[in-house]
Protein backbone atom coordinates (compact mmCIF):
# COMPACT_ATOMS: atom_id res chain seq x y z
CA MET A 1 11.67 10.91 0.70
CA ASN A 2 13.37 14.21 1.42
CA GLY A 3 13.21 17.75 0.10
CA ALA A 4 12.67 17.94 -3.63
CA SER A 5 11.41 14.36 -3.91
CA ARG A 6 8.76 14.91 -1.26
CA GLU A 7 7.49 17.99 -3.11
CA ALA A 8 7.55 16.18 -6.45
CA LEU A 9 5.56 13.27 -5.02
CA ALA A 10 2.97 15.61 -3.51
CA ALA A 11 2.50 17.28 -6.89
CA ALA A 12 2.21 13.89 -8.63
CA ARG A 13 -0.45 12.76 -6.14
CA GLU A 14 -2.50 15.85 -6.93
CA ARG A 15 -2.22 15.21 -10.66
CA LEU A 16 -3.25 11.58 -10.18
CA ASP A 17 -6.29 12.63 -8.14
CA ALA A 18 -7.27 15.09 -10.86
CA LEU A 19 -6.95 12.39 -13.51
CA THR A 20 -8.91 9.74 -11.64
CA ASP A 21 -11.66 12.22 -10.79
CA SER A 22 -12.41 12.28 -14.51
CA THR A 23 -14.98 9.75 -15.65
CA SER A 24 -13.05 9.33 -18.92
CA VAL A 25 -10.03 7.79 -17.16
CA ASP A 26 -10.13 4.14 -16.09
CA ALA A 27 -8.21 4.07 -12.80
CA GLY A 28 -7.55 0.32 -13.02
CA SER A 29 -6.03 0.57 -16.50
CA LEU A 30 -4.00 3.57 -15.40
CA ALA A 31 -2.66 1.51 -12.49
CA ASP A 32 -1.47 -1.22 -14.87
CA GLU A 33 0.27 1.34 -17.10
CA LEU A 34 2.02 3.06 -14.21
CA ALA A 35 3.10 -0.33 -12.88
CA ALA A 36 4.63 -1.15 -16.28
CA VAL A 37 6.57 2.14 -16.27
CA THR A 38 7.70 1.41 -12.71
CA ALA A 39 9.07 -1.96 -13.81
CA LEU A 40 10.83 -0.37 -16.79
CA LEU A 41 12.59 2.32 -14.75
CA ASP A 42 13.41 -0.09 -11.93
CA ARG A 43 15.15 -2.29 -14.48
CA GLU A 44 16.81 0.45 -16.56
CA VAL A 45 18.99 2.28 -14.05
CA SER A 46 20.73 4.47 -16.64
CA LEU A 47 17.41 5.61 -18.08
CA ARG A 48 15.99 6.68 -14.75
CA ARG A 49 19.19 8.58 -14.02
CA VAL A 50 18.79 10.50 -17.25
CA LEU A 51 15.14 11.25 -16.45
CA THR A 52 16.05 12.57 -13.00
CA ASP A 53 19.26 14.39 -13.95
CA PRO A 54 18.98 17.90 -12.41
CA ALA A 55 21.38 19.25 -15.03
CA GLN A 56 18.86 18.51 -17.80
CA ALA A 57 15.94 20.80 -18.60
CA GLY A 58 12.61 19.53 -17.30
CA GLU A 59 10.84 19.90 -20.63
CA ALA A 60 13.60 17.96 -22.42
CA LYS A 61 13.22 15.09 -19.96
CA ALA A 62 9.43 15.16 -20.36
CA GLU A 63 9.76 14.97 -24.14
CA LEU A 64 12.20 12.06 -23.82
CA ALA A 65 9.74 10.21 -21.60
CA ARG A 66 6.95 10.76 -24.12
CA ARG A 67 9.09 9.43 -26.97
CA LEU A 68 10.13 6.36 -25.01
CA LEU A 69 6.62 5.52 -23.90
CA GLY A 70 5.18 6.23 -27.34
CA THR A 71 2.04 4.21 -27.86
CA GLN A 72 2.85 1.82 -25.00
CA VAL A 73 0.65 3.72 -22.54
CA SER A 74 -2.39 5.96 -22.78
CA GLY A 75 -2.27 9.74 -23.03
CA PRO A 76 -3.18 10.30 -19.37
CA ALA A 77 -0.43 7.93 -18.20
CA ALA A 78 2.14 9.56 -20.48
CA ASP A 79 1.10 13.02 -19.27
CA LEU A 80 1.45 11.96 -15.66
CA VAL A 81 4.91 10.46 -16.18
CA ALA A 82 6.03 13.50 -18.19
CA GLY A 83 4.93 15.78 -15.37
CA MET A 84 6.86 13.69 -12.87
CA VAL A 85 10.14 13.80 -14.78
CA ARG A 86 9.82 17.58 -15.12
CA SER A 87 10.06 17.74 -11.33
CA ARG A 88 13.29 17.57 -9.36
CA TRP A 89 14.08 14.37 -7.45
CA SER A 90 16.61 14.04 -4.65
CA GLN A 91 17.53 10.52 -5.82
CA SER A 92 16.77 8.73 -9.06
CA ARG A 93 15.23 5.81 -7.15
CA ASP A 94 12.68 8.17 -5.63
CA LEU A 95 11.03 8.54 -9.03
CA VAL A 96 10.49 4.78 -9.23
CA ASP A 97 9.17 4.61 -5.66
CA ALA A 98 6.75 7.44 -6.48
CA LEU A 99 5.53 5.72 -9.65
CA GLU A 100 4.93 2.51 -7.73
CA GLU A 101 2.91 4.38 -5.10
CA LEU A 102 0.82 6.07 -7.79
CA ALA A 103 0.14 2.71 -9.48
CA ASN A 104 -1.06 1.26 -6.18
CA THR A 105 -3.10 4.37 -5.41
CA ALA A 106 -4.78 4.17 -8.81
CA ASP A 107 -5.81 0.57 -8.10
CA LEU A 108 -7.17 1.58 -4.70
CA THR A 109 -9.02 4.46 -6.32
CA ALA A 110 -10.62 2.02 -8.76
CA ALA A 111 -11.75 -0.07 -5.79
CA GLN A 112 -13.08 3.04 -4.04
CA GLN A 113 -15.03 4.07 -7.13
CA ALA A 114 -16.59 0.61 -7.21
CA GLY A 115 -17.49 0.83 -3.53
CA LYS A 116 -15.06 -1.98 -2.67
CA LEU A 117 -12.26 -0.16 -0.85
CA ASP A 118 -13.28 -1.52 2.55
CA ASP A 119 -13.18 -5.05 1.13
CA VAL A 120 -9.69 -4.47 -0.27
CA GLU A 121 -8.43 -3.12 3.06
CA ASP A 122 -9.79 -6.13 4.92
CA GLU A 123 -8.43 -8.59 2.37
CA LEU A 124 -4.95 -7.10 2.53
CA PHE A 125 -5.00 -7.43 6.30
CA ARG A 126 -6.30 -11.01 6.24
CA PHE A 127 -3.76 -12.02 3.60
CA GLY A 128 -1.00 -10.64 5.81
CA ARG A 129 -2.28 -12.73 8.70
CA ILE A 130 -2.40 -15.85 6.55
CA VAL A 131 1.19 -15.31 5.40
CA SER A 132 2.45 -14.67 8.93
CA GLY A 133 0.77 -17.88 10.08
CA SER A 134 2.25 -20.10 7.37
CA THR A 135 6.00 -20.49 7.13
CA GLU A 136 5.69 -22.61 3.97
CA LEU A 137 3.51 -20.06 2.16
CA ARG A 138 5.79 -17.18 3.07
CA ALA A 139 8.81 -19.15 1.88
CA ALA A 140 7.12 -19.91 -1.45
CA LEU A 141 6.12 -16.28 -2.01
CA THR A 142 9.56 -14.89 -1.14
CA ASP A 143 11.71 -17.57 -2.78
CA ARG A 144 14.25 -15.71 -4.93
CA LYS A 145 14.73 -18.75 -7.13
CA ALA A 146 11.04 -18.95 -8.03
CA THR A 147 9.94 -17.15 -11.19
CA ALA A 148 7.45 -14.31 -11.18
CA SER A 149 5.16 -16.52 -13.26
CA ALA A 150 5.24 -19.28 -10.64
CA LYS A 151 4.51 -16.85 -7.82
CA GLY A 152 1.72 -15.27 -9.83
CA GLY A 153 0.19 -18.68 -10.41
CA LEU A 154 0.31 -19.47 -6.71
CA LEU A 155 -1.41 -16.20 -5.88
CA ARG A 156 -4.12 -16.83 -8.48
CA SER A 157 -4.83 -20.17 -6.84
CA LEU A 158 -5.07 -18.46 -3.45
CA LEU A 159 -6.90 -15.26 -4.35
CA GLY A 160 -8.55 -15.83 -7.72
CA GLY A 161 -12.32 -15.50 -7.29
CA ARG A 162 -11.90 -15.12 -3.52
CA ALA A 163 -10.68 -11.52 -3.35
CA GLN A 164 -11.34 -8.23 -5.09
CA PRO A 165 -9.48 -7.80 -8.40
CA ALA A 166 -7.63 -4.80 -6.95
CA THR A 167 -6.44 -6.89 -4.01
CA GLU A 168 -5.12 -9.58 -6.32
CA ARG A 169 -3.31 -7.05 -8.51
CA LEU A 170 -1.76 -5.23 -5.55
CA VAL A 171 -0.53 -8.40 -3.87
CA THR A 172 0.73 -9.89 -7.13
CA ARG A 173 2.81 -6.80 -7.92
CA LEU A 174 4.23 -6.80 -4.42
CA VAL A 175 5.17 -10.49 -4.49
CA THR A 176 6.54 -10.60 -8.03
CA ALA A 177 8.41 -7.29 -7.78
CA PRO A 178 9.24 -6.68 -4.10
CA ARG A 179 12.01 -4.19 -4.94
CA GLY A 180 14.02 -5.01 -1.82
CA ARG A 181 11.16 -4.92 0.68
CA SER A 182 10.01 -7.71 2.93
CA LEU A 183 6.56 -9.09 2.20
CA GLU A 184 5.32 -7.87 5.58
CA ALA A 185 6.60 -4.34 5.06
CA GLY A 186 5.02 -4.21 1.61
CA LEU A 187 1.63 -5.35 2.88
CA GLU A 188 1.76 -2.83 5.72
CA SER A 189 2.55 -0.07 3.23
CA LEU A 190 -0.40 -1.09 1.06
CA SER A 191 -2.73 -1.09 4.07
CA LYS A 192 -1.65 2.41 5.04
CA LEU A 193 -2.08 3.61 1.48
CA ALA A 194 -5.59 2.16 1.40
CA ALA A 195 -6.45 3.91 4.65
CA ASP A 196 -5.14 7.20 3.29
CA ARG A 197 -7.68 7.03 0.48
CA ARG A 198 -10.30 7.95 3.05
CA ASP A 199 -7.96 10.00 5.22
CA ARG A 200 -8.21 7.27 7.78
CA MET A 201 -5.78 5.72 10.18
CA VAL A 202 -5.48 1.96 10.64
CA ALA A 203 -5.84 0.35 14.05
CA THR A 204 -4.96 -3.33 14.48
CA VAL A 205 -7.26 -4.69 17.18
CA THR A 206 -6.54 -8.04 18.83
CA SER A 207 -9.14 -9.59 21.13
CA ALA A 208 -9.69 -12.97 22.74
CA VAL A 209 -13.07 -13.34 21.01
CA PRO A 210 -14.63 -11.58 18.01
CA LEU A 211 -16.02 -8.14 18.79
CA SER A 212 -19.72 -7.49 18.28
CA ASP A 213 -20.86 -4.79 15.86
CA PRO A 214 -21.77 -2.38 18.70
CA GLN A 215 -18.34 -2.97 20.27
CA LYS A 216 -16.64 -2.23 16.93
CA GLN A 217 -18.65 0.98 16.55
CA ARG A 218 -17.87 2.18 20.08
CA LEU A 219 -14.18 1.38 19.71
CA GLY A 220 -13.99 3.08 16.31
CA ALA A 221 -15.70 6.18 17.69
CA ALA A 222 -13.40 6.30 20.72
CA LEU A 223 -10.26 5.97 18.61
CA ALA A 224 -11.51 8.58 16.13
CA LYS A 225 -12.04 10.99 19.01
CA LEU A 226 -8.61 10.20 20.43
CA TYR A 227 -6.70 10.63 17.14
CA GLY A 228 -8.92 13.18 15.44
CA ARG A 229 -9.28 11.04 12.32
CA THR A 230 -11.62 8.34 11.08
CA MET A 231 -10.22 4.95 12.05
CA HIS A 232 -10.31 1.72 10.06
CA LEU A 233 -10.21 -1.35 12.31
CA ASN A 234 -8.24 -4.44 11.30
CA LEU A 235 -9.63 -7.13 13.58
CA ASP A 236 -7.73 -10.18 14.75
CA VAL A 237 -8.59 -12.86 17.30
CA ASP A 238 -5.96 -14.32 19.62
CA PRO A 239 -7.17 -16.74 22.33
CA GLU A 240 -4.07 -15.93 24.39
CA VAL A 241 -5.45 -12.44 25.03
CA LEU A 242 -7.24 -13.30 28.25
CA GLY A 243 -9.63 -10.36 28.24
CA GLY A 244 -10.13 -6.91 26.85
CA ILE A 245 -8.34 -5.78 23.72
CA ARG A 246 -4.97 -4.76 22.38
CA VAL A 247 -4.95 -1.86 19.92
CA GLN A 248 -1.98 -0.79 17.81
CA VAL A 249 -2.01 2.42 15.78
CA GLY A 250 1.25 2.85 13.92
CA ASP A 251 4.02 2.44 16.48
CA GLU A 252 1.72 3.20 19.42
CA VAL A 253 0.14 0.39 21.41
CA ILE A 254 -2.91 0.87 23.59
CA ASN A 255 -2.96 -2.26 25.66
CA GLY A 256 -6.07 -3.09 27.66
CA SER A 257 -5.77 -6.85 27.80
CA LEU A 258 -6.34 -8.64 31.08
CA ALA A 259 -3.02 -10.43 30.74
CA ASP A 260 -1.16 -7.14 30.56
CA ARG A 261 -3.15 -5.65 33.45
CA ILE A 262 -2.15 -8.67 35.55
CA GLU A 263 1.48 -8.25 34.50
CA ASP A 264 1.33 -4.55 35.31
CA ALA A 265 -0.17 -5.27 38.72
CA SER A 266 2.58 -7.82 39.40
CA ARG A 267 5.24 -5.27 38.54
CA ARG A 268 3.65 -2.74 40.88
CA LEU A 269 3.58 -5.27 43.74
CA ALA A 270 7.16 -6.27 43.09
CA GLY A 271 8.26 -2.63 42.96
């Protein structure tokens, strides 16, 4: 997002945090309501254009949003949406993207309040690995001809009772309403959002064998010192990594695998 939209999203995040800090607001229910508004505005293009029209007064747009939502959502959800449409948005689609992010953040906040955020982070990562390793599963989950109900049923059979409720809700919304994103990009975005709940960065660590707990702790401490932020480790095992580890943080790769050291040595000899 650029300019006005970036500022509007920052303000909306602050309002969401203020709402979910209140013990009277159920973050999980708020997530469902914001997701429903996201779906509405994603579907009704003309409506979202009206609600983001810079020529209209902010208070008039807020009142319109309240009338449209009526009794469909709770007071806190209506207040949050009204505050968002008062703001200026660079593009009408940015409002929908922001609402979707807030819905996901509210679900992650609910998991954090229940002490289950780490579980959700790990489950999102593992689900991504499962999808990337199964061509048939990925095809079923991204099939444009399949109904949202059919995809939701498949996910319930895969995740129901095996994952945190927040994980199931997040993945189901992503699969049934991808909004033009690839499944992989959506899962990566959710993982980053989960990490941001603790102001943490995500490091994907690939090793030939599982790391021991002391190794995980040392690696986490070293990466935290390097990046100046707490680091969440997504661990993966790849037997083709002959030794050492491969660490990816965002677009940066810290490669310490034996295979790559051998390749590097070969290049040096050849050069």
